[in-house]
Amino acid sequence: LNALQIEALTNSVSKFFDMILNATGSVIGAGVLIFAAFVVGGVVAGIVAQLFEGFGFDRLVASLGFAPKSEKSVKPSAVVGKLAFLAIMLFAAVSACELLGFMELAALIRIFIIFGGNIIVGVVVMMVGIFLANLAAGALRGKGGSSEFLATAMRVAVLIFTGAVALSTLNLNGRIVEIAFALLLGAICVAAAIAFGV
């Protein structure tokens, strides 16, 4: 094309091949990055699952009332390992999208990562709340009189409060969560007042 001295065609074709070469390098780099993240993520997931199982995470979850129904069920420690693998793959996907120039998709994946992290934090808060509710209810039971009613009321109150805190961690809309929690608490107070009045 240079010999034919057709500058317009020469420039167009050279730019086209430059784009192909640049895109090929980016695609290969993104593929290598995803493959490396897949391999490393599998190793890290296994290590994390073993660590959580060794620390007694499965027994802790079972004590909260989430014991697996059968031996074939997935262990909670294995779920944590899979979440670690998913997190590594998502971060690798963000880097791959940035390498390919897909900035909007990278930003979308980042938002998904943040929201997923908030969901995990909310689940952890709920698990802690269930543990505290069971602990408080167990401490009140067997004290005679209306201990069963007080234990149930304490358990429900702790669960409601924990649920409100867990919802607030999602950052959906703090005002809506506050209003809903206030209405629910007010309804409980009114119901308790009517019950004691009757």
C-alpha atoms as a PDB file:
ATOM      1  CA  LEU A   1       0.000   0.000   0.000  1.00  0.00           C
ATOM      2  CA  ASN A   2       2.914   2.315   0.653  1.00  0.00           C
ATOM      3  CA  ALA A   3       4.274   1.488  -2.808  1.00  0.00           C
ATOM      4  CA  LEU A   4       0.949   2.433  -4.382  1.00  0.00           C
ATOM      5  CA  GLN A   5       1.184   5.820  -2.591  1.00  0.00           C
ATOM      6  CA  ILE A   6      -2.507   5.835  -1.672  1.00  0.00           C
ATOM      7  CA  GLU A   7      -2.195   7.746   1.583  1.00  0.00           C
ATOM      8  CA  ALA A   8      -5.868   7.654   2.561  1.00  0.00           C
ATOM      9  CA  LEU A   9      -6.114   3.892   2.158  1.00  0.00           C
ATOM     10  CA  THR A  10      -2.698   3.333   3.732  1.00  0.00           C
ATOM     11  CA  ASN A  11      -3.565   5.387   6.823  1.00  0.00           C
ATOM     12  CA  SER A  12      -6.954   3.687   7.224  1.00  0.00           C
ATOM     13  CA  VAL A  13      -5.526   0.186   6.941  1.00  0.00           C
ATOM     14  CA  SER A  14      -2.596   0.943   9.262  1.00  0.00           C
ATOM     15  CA  LYS A  15      -4.947   2.393  11.893  1.00  0.00           C
ATOM     16  CA  PHE A  16      -7.170  -0.679  11.533  1.00  0.00           C
ATOM     17  CA  PHE A  17      -4.247  -3.040  12.115  1.00  0.00           C
ATOM     18  CA  ASP A  18      -3.026  -0.922  15.020  1.00  0.00           C
ATOM     19  CA  MET A  19      -6.457  -1.193  16.624  1.00  0.00           C
ATOM     20  CA  ILE A  20      -6.458  -4.978  16.110  1.00  0.00           C
ATOM     21  CA  LEU A  21      -2.988  -5.335  17.611  1.00  0.00           C
ATOM     22  CA  ASN A  22      -3.836  -3.169  20.608  1.00  0.00           C
ATOM     23  CA  ALA A  23      -7.141  -4.980  21.164  1.00  0.00           C
ATOM     24  CA  THR A  24      -5.449  -8.374  20.840  1.00  0.00           C
ATOM     25  CA  GLY A  25      -2.916  -7.470  23.503  1.00  0.00           C
ATOM     26  CA  SER A  26      -5.646  -6.225  25.832  1.00  0.00           C
ATOM     27  CA  VAL A  27      -7.800  -9.323  25.258  1.00  0.00           C
ATOM     28  CA  ILE A  28      -4.852 -11.647  25.913  1.00  0.00           C
ATOM     29  CA  GLY A  29      -3.920  -9.686  29.038  1.00  0.00           C
ATOM     30  CA  ALA A  30      -7.509  -9.785  30.304  1.00  0.00           C
ATOM     31  CA  GLY A  31      -7.717 -13.537  29.614  1.00  0.00           C
ATOM     32  CA  VAL A  32      -4.465 -14.207  31.463  1.00  0.00           C
ATOM     33  CA  LEU A  33      -5.699 -12.072  34.375  1.00  0.00           C
ATOM     34  CA  ILE A  34      -9.019 -13.950  34.610  1.00  0.00           C
ATOM     35  CA  PHE A  35      -7.253 -17.324  34.379  1.00  0.00           C
ATOM     36  CA  ALA A  36      -4.758 -16.368  37.100  1.00  0.00           C
ATOM     37  CA  ALA A  37      -7.596 -15.126  39.315  1.00  0.00           C
ATOM     38  CA  PHE A  38      -9.460 -18.413  38.745  1.00  0.00           C
ATOM     39  CA  VAL A  39      -6.445 -20.471  39.810  1.00  0.00           C
ATOM     40  CA  VAL A  40      -5.519 -18.267  42.779  1.00  0.00           C
ATOM     41  CA  GLY A  41      -9.180 -17.973  43.805  1.00  0.00           C
ATOM     42  CA  GLY A  42      -9.563 -21.751  43.915  1.00  0.00           C
ATOM     43  CA  VAL A  43      -6.509 -22.091  46.165  1.00  0.00           C
ATOM     44  CA  VAL A  44      -7.574 -19.216  48.437  1.00  0.00           C
ATOM     45  CA  ALA A  45     -11.142 -20.569  48.670  1.00  0.00           C
ATOM     46  CA  GLY A  46      -9.846 -23.934  49.884  1.00  0.00           C
ATOM     47  CA  ILE A  47      -7.556 -22.310  52.458  1.00  0.00           C
ATOM     48  CA  VAL A  48     -10.319 -20.007  53.741  1.00  0.00           C
ATOM     49  CA  ALA A  49     -12.796 -22.897  54.012  1.00  0.00           C
ATOM     50  CA  GLN A  50     -10.284 -24.991  55.988  1.00  0.00           C
ATOM     51  CA  LEU A  51      -9.440 -22.086  58.299  1.00  0.00           C
ATOM     52  CA  PHE A  52     -13.095 -21.360  59.087  1.00  0.00           C
ATOM     53  CA  GLU A  53     -13.800 -25.042  59.636  1.00  0.00           C
ATOM     54  CA  GLY A  54     -10.798 -25.292  61.961  1.00  0.00           C
ATOM     55  CA  PHE A  55     -11.940 -22.264  63.963  1.00  0.00           C
ATOM     56  CA  GLY A  56     -15.326 -23.949  64.565  1.00  0.00           C
ATOM     57  CA  PHE A  57     -17.407 -21.790  62.249  1.00  0.00           C
ATOM     58  CA  ASP A  58     -19.617 -24.743  61.283  1.00  0.00           C
ATOM     59  CA  ARG A  59     -20.388 -25.502  64.937  1.00  0.00           C
ATOM     60  CA  LEU A  60     -21.161 -21.835  65.583  1.00  0.00           C
ATOM     61  CA  VAL A  61     -23.629 -21.671  62.709  1.00  0.00           C
ATOM     62  CA  ALA A  62     -25.213 -24.954  63.864  1.00  0.00           C
ATOM     63  CA  SER A  63     -25.658 -23.509  67.362  1.00  0.00           C
ATOM     64  CA  LEU A  64     -27.597 -20.617  65.856  1.00  0.00           C
ATOM     65  CA  GLY A  65     -30.123 -23.037  64.389  1.00  0.00           C
ATOM     66  CA  PHE A  66     -28.733 -23.237  60.843  1.00  0.00           C
ATOM     67  CA  ALA A  67     -27.416 -26.788  60.999  1.00  0.00           C
ATOM     68  CA  PRO A  68     -27.343 -28.626  57.625  1.00  0.00           C
ATOM     69  CA  LYS A  69     -30.292 -30.981  57.172  1.00  0.00           C
ATOM     70  CA  SER A  70     -28.186 -33.760  55.674  1.00  0.00           C
ATOM     71  CA  GLU A  71     -24.554 -34.749  55.341  1.00  0.00           C
ATOM     72  CA  LYS A  72     -24.661 -33.845  51.633  1.00  0.00           C
ATOM     73  CA  SER A  73     -25.517 -30.225  52.427  1.00  0.00           C
ATOM     74  CA  VAL A  74     -22.875 -27.587  51.829  1.00  0.00           C
ATOM     75  CA  LYS A  75     -20.988 -26.640  54.983  1.00  0.00           C
ATOM     76  CA  PRO A  76     -21.038 -22.980  56.090  1.00  0.00           C
ATOM     77  CA  SER A  77     -17.231 -22.899  55.923  1.00  0.00           C
ATOM     78  CA  ALA A  78     -17.419 -24.037  52.288  1.00  0.00           C
ATOM     79  CA  VAL A  79     -19.891 -21.215  51.596  1.00  0.00           C
ATOM     80  CA  VAL A  80     -17.393 -18.712  53.016  1.00  0.00           C
ATOM     81  CA  GLY A  81     -14.717 -20.190  50.740  1.00  0.00           C
ATOM     82  CA  LYS A  82     -16.980 -19.834  47.708  1.00  0.00           C
ATOM     83  CA  LEU A  83     -17.674 -16.215  48.668  1.00  0.00           C
ATOM     84  CA  ALA A  84     -13.932 -15.558  48.826  1.00  0.00           C
ATOM     85  CA  PHE A  85     -13.536 -17.122  45.371  1.00  0.00           C
ATOM     86  CA  LEU A  86     -16.381 -14.981  44.034  1.00  0.00           C
ATOM     87  CA  ALA A  87     -14.826 -11.815  45.485  1.00  0.00           C
ATOM     88  CA  ILE A  88     -11.466 -12.572  43.837  1.00  0.00           C
ATOM     89  CA  MET A  89     -13.148 -13.215  40.484  1.00  0.00           C
ATOM     90  CA  LEU A  90     -15.158  -9.989  40.710  1.00  0.00           C
ATOM     91  CA  PHE A  91     -12.051  -7.919  41.446  1.00  0.00           C
ATOM     92  CA  ALA A  92     -10.295  -9.623  38.534  1.00  0.00           C
ATOM     93  CA  ALA A  93     -13.301  -8.849  36.318  1.00  0.00           C
ATOM     94  CA  VAL A  94     -13.032  -5.160  37.270  1.00  0.00           C
ATOM     95  CA  SER A  95      -9.342  -5.103  36.323  1.00  0.00           C
ATOM     96  CA  ALA A  96     -10.066  -6.953  33.065  1.00  0.00           C
ATOM     97  CA  CYS A  97     -12.820  -4.496  32.135  1.00  0.00           C
ATOM     98  CA  GLU A  98     -10.506  -1.564  32.808  1.00  0.00           C
ATOM     99  CA  LEU A  99      -7.811  -3.223  30.699  1.00  0.00           C
ATOM    100  CA  LEU A 100     -10.266  -3.611  27.829  1.00  0.00           C
ATOM    101  CA  GLY A 101     -11.556  -0.064  28.237  1.00  0.00           C
ATOM    102  CA  PHE A 102     -15.036  -1.025  29.499  1.00  0.00           C
ATOM    103  CA  MET A 103     -15.116   1.592  32.251  1.00  0.00           C
ATOM    104  CA  GLU A 104     -18.924   1.608  32.632  1.00  0.00           C
ATOM    105  CA  LEU A 105     -19.010  -2.160  33.134  1.00  0.00           C
ATOM    106  CA  ALA A 106     -16.152  -1.926  35.643  1.00  0.00           C
ATOM    107  CA  ALA A 107     -18.072   0.733  37.588  1.00  0.00           C
ATOM    108  CA  LEU A 108     -21.185  -1.474  37.564  1.00  0.00           C
ATOM    109  CA  ILE A 109     -19.232  -4.442  38.928  1.00  0.00           C
ATOM    110  CA  ARG A 110     -17.767  -2.195  41.645  1.00  0.00           C
ATOM    111  CA  ILE A 111     -21.280  -1.190  42.713  1.00  0.00           C
ATOM    112  CA  PHE A 112     -22.261  -4.869  42.811  1.00  0.00           C
ATOM    113  CA  ILE A 113     -19.206  -5.662  44.962  1.00  0.00           C
ATOM    114  CA  ILE A 114     -20.074  -2.887  47.439  1.00  0.00           C
ATOM    115  CA  PHE A 115     -23.710  -3.996  47.651  1.00  0.00           C
ATOM    116  CA  GLY A 116     -22.677  -7.637  48.066  1.00  0.00           C
ATOM    117  CA  GLY A 117     -20.328  -6.645  50.882  1.00  0.00           C
ATOM    118  CA  ASN A 118     -23.162  -4.791  52.597  1.00  0.00           C
ATOM    119  CA  ILE A 119     -25.366  -7.881  52.299  1.00  0.00           C
ATOM    120  CA  ILE A 120     -22.650 -10.038  53.907  1.00  0.00           C
ATOM    121  CA  VAL A 121     -22.284  -7.531  56.749  1.00  0.00           C
ATOM    122  CA  GLY A 122     -26.069  -7.560  57.233  1.00  0.00           C
ATOM    123  CA  VAL A 123     -26.103 -11.369  57.377  1.00  0.00           C
ATOM    124  CA  VAL A 124     -23.304 -11.346  59.964  1.00  0.00           C
ATOM    125  CA  VAL A 125     -25.218  -8.777  62.046  1.00  0.00           C
ATOM    126  CA  MET A 126     -28.350 -10.939  61.898  1.00  0.00           C
ATOM    127  CA  MET A 127     -26.389 -14.019  62.963  1.00  0.00           C
ATOM    128  CA  VAL A 128     -24.950 -12.127  65.936  1.00  0.00           C
ATOM    129  CA  GLY A 129     -28.459 -10.882  66.770  1.00  0.00           C
ATOM    130  CA  ILE A 130     -29.871 -14.414  66.682  1.00  0.00           C
ATOM    131  CA  PHE A 131     -27.085 -15.585  68.981  1.00  0.00           C
ATOM    132  CA  LEU A 132     -27.746 -12.745  71.444  1.00  0.00           C
ATOM    133  CA  ALA A 133     -31.523 -13.282  71.271  1.00  0.00           C
ATOM    134  CA  ASN A 134     -31.153 -16.988  72.046  1.00  0.00           C
ATOM    135  CA  LEU A 135     -28.706 -16.183  74.850  1.00  0.00           C
ATOM    136  CA  ALA A 136     -31.034 -13.622  76.433  1.00  0.00           C
ATOM    137  CA  ALA A 137     -34.072 -15.885  76.083  1.00  0.00           C
ATOM    138  CA  GLY A 138     -32.185 -18.805  77.622  1.00  0.00           C
ATOM    139  CA  ALA A 139     -31.134 -16.663  80.582  1.00  0.00           C
ATOM    140  CA  LEU A 140     -34.743 -15.643  81.297  1.00  0.00           C
ATOM    141  CA  ARG A 141     -36.360 -19.063  80.910  1.00  0.00           C
ATOM    142  CA  GLY A 142     -37.028 -21.187  83.942  1.00  0.00           C
ATOM    143  CA  LYS A 143     -37.138 -18.273  86.380  1.00  0.00           C
ATOM    144  CA  GLY A 144     -40.757 -18.942  87.291  1.00  0.00           C
ATOM    145  CA  GLY A 145     -43.874 -16.839  86.816  1.00  0.00           C
ATOM    146  CA  SER A 146     -44.082 -15.231  83.410  1.00  0.00           C
ATOM    147  CA  SER A 147     -40.491 -16.089  82.474  1.00  0.00           C
ATOM    148  CA  GLU A 148     -41.553 -17.793  79.231  1.00  0.00           C
ATOM    149  CA  PHE A 149     -43.434 -14.688  78.094  1.00  0.00           C
ATOM    150  CA  LEU A 150     -40.542 -12.422  79.047  1.00  0.00           C
ATOM    151  CA  ALA A 151     -38.048 -14.694  77.284  1.00  0.00           C
ATOM    152  CA  THR A 152     -40.129 -14.659  74.094  1.00  0.00           C
ATOM    153  CA  ALA A 153     -40.609 -10.892  74.280  1.00  0.00           C
ATOM    154  CA  MET A 154     -36.881 -10.353  74.825  1.00  0.00           C
ATOM    155  CA  ARG A 155     -36.017 -12.620  71.911  1.00  0.00           C
ATOM    156  CA  VAL A 156     -38.442 -10.831  69.577  1.00  0.00           C
ATOM    157  CA  ALA A 157     -37.201  -7.395  70.683  1.00  0.00           C
ATOM    158  CA  VAL A 158     -33.546  -8.296  70.076  1.00  0.00           C
ATOM    159  CA  LEU A 159     -34.380  -9.791  66.674  1.00  0.00           C
ATOM    160  CA  ILE A 160     -36.353  -6.705  65.641  1.00  0.00           C
ATOM    161  CA  PHE A 161     -33.559  -4.371  66.707  1.00  0.00           C
ATOM    162  CA  THR A 162     -30.950  -6.529  64.971  1.00  0.00           C
ATOM    163  CA  GLY A 163     -33.076  -6.668  61.826  1.00  0.00           C
ATOM    164  CA  ALA A 164     -33.247  -2.872  61.749  1.00  0.00           C
ATOM    165  CA  VAL A 165     -29.462  -2.631  62.147  1.00  0.00           C
ATOM    166  CA  ALA A 166     -28.947  -5.236  59.408  1.00  0.00           C
ATOM    167  CA  LEU A 167     -31.244  -3.320  57.050  1.00  0.00           C
ATOM    168  CA  SER A 168     -29.386  -0.088  57.758  1.00  0.00           C
ATOM    169  CA  THR A 169     -26.117  -1.731  56.653  1.00  0.00           C
ATOM    170  CA  LEU A 170     -27.577  -2.235  53.168  1.00  0.00           C
ATOM    171  CA  ASN A 171     -27.672   1.555  52.676  1.00  0.00           C
ATOM    172  CA  LEU A 172     -30.971   1.255  50.820  1.00  0.00           C
ATOM    173  CA  ASN A 173     -32.489   4.337  52.331  1.00  0.00           C
ATOM    174  CA  GLY A 174     -31.798   5.063  55.950  1.00  0.00           C
ATOM    175  CA  ARG A 175     -34.926   7.198  56.358  1.00  0.00           C
ATOM    176  CA  ILE A 176     -37.257   4.438  55.176  1.00  0.00           C
ATOM    177  CA  VAL A 177     -35.642   1.921  57.539  1.00  0.00           C
ATOM    178  CA  GLU A 178     -35.918   4.365  60.463  1.00  0.00           C
ATOM    179  CA  ILE A 179     -39.618   5.050  59.755  1.00  0.00           C
ATOM    180  CA  ALA A 180     -40.414   1.338  59.387  1.00  0.00           C
ATOM    181  CA  PHE A 181     -38.578   0.509  62.619  1.00  0.00           C
ATOM    182  CA  ALA A 182     -40.350   3.335  64.489  1.00  0.00           C
ATOM    183  CA  LEU A 183     -43.772   2.183  63.234  1.00  0.00           C
ATOM    184  CA  LEU A 184     -43.059  -1.428  64.172  1.00  0.00           C
ATOM    185  CA  LEU A 185     -41.802  -0.479  67.621  1.00  0.00           C
ATOM    186  CA  GLY A 186     -44.833   1.764  68.157  1.00  0.00           C
ATOM    187  CA  ALA A 187     -47.180  -1.041  67.134  1.00  0.00           C
ATOM    188  CA  ILE A 188     -45.514  -3.415  69.589  1.00  0.00           C
ATOM    189  CA  CYS A 189     -45.788  -0.856  72.401  1.00  0.00           C
ATOM    190  CA  VAL A 190     -49.482  -0.268  71.660  1.00  0.00           C
ATOM    191  CA  ALA A 191     -50.136  -4.021  71.553  1.00  0.00           C
ATOM    192  CA  ALA A 192     -48.313  -4.533  74.848  1.00  0.00           C
ATOM    193  CA  ALA A 193     -50.249  -1.668  76.465  1.00  0.00           C
ATOM    194  CA  ILE A 194     -53.575  -3.119  75.299  1.00  0.00           C
ATOM    195  CA  ALA A 195     -52.580  -6.598  76.487  1.00  0.00           C
ATOM    196  CA  PHE A 196     -51.610  -5.382  79.970  1.00  0.00           C
ATOM    197  CA  GLY A 197     -54.691  -3.183  80.090  1.00  0.00           C
ATOM    198  CA  VAL A 198     -57.011  -6.081  79.325  1.00  0.00           C
END
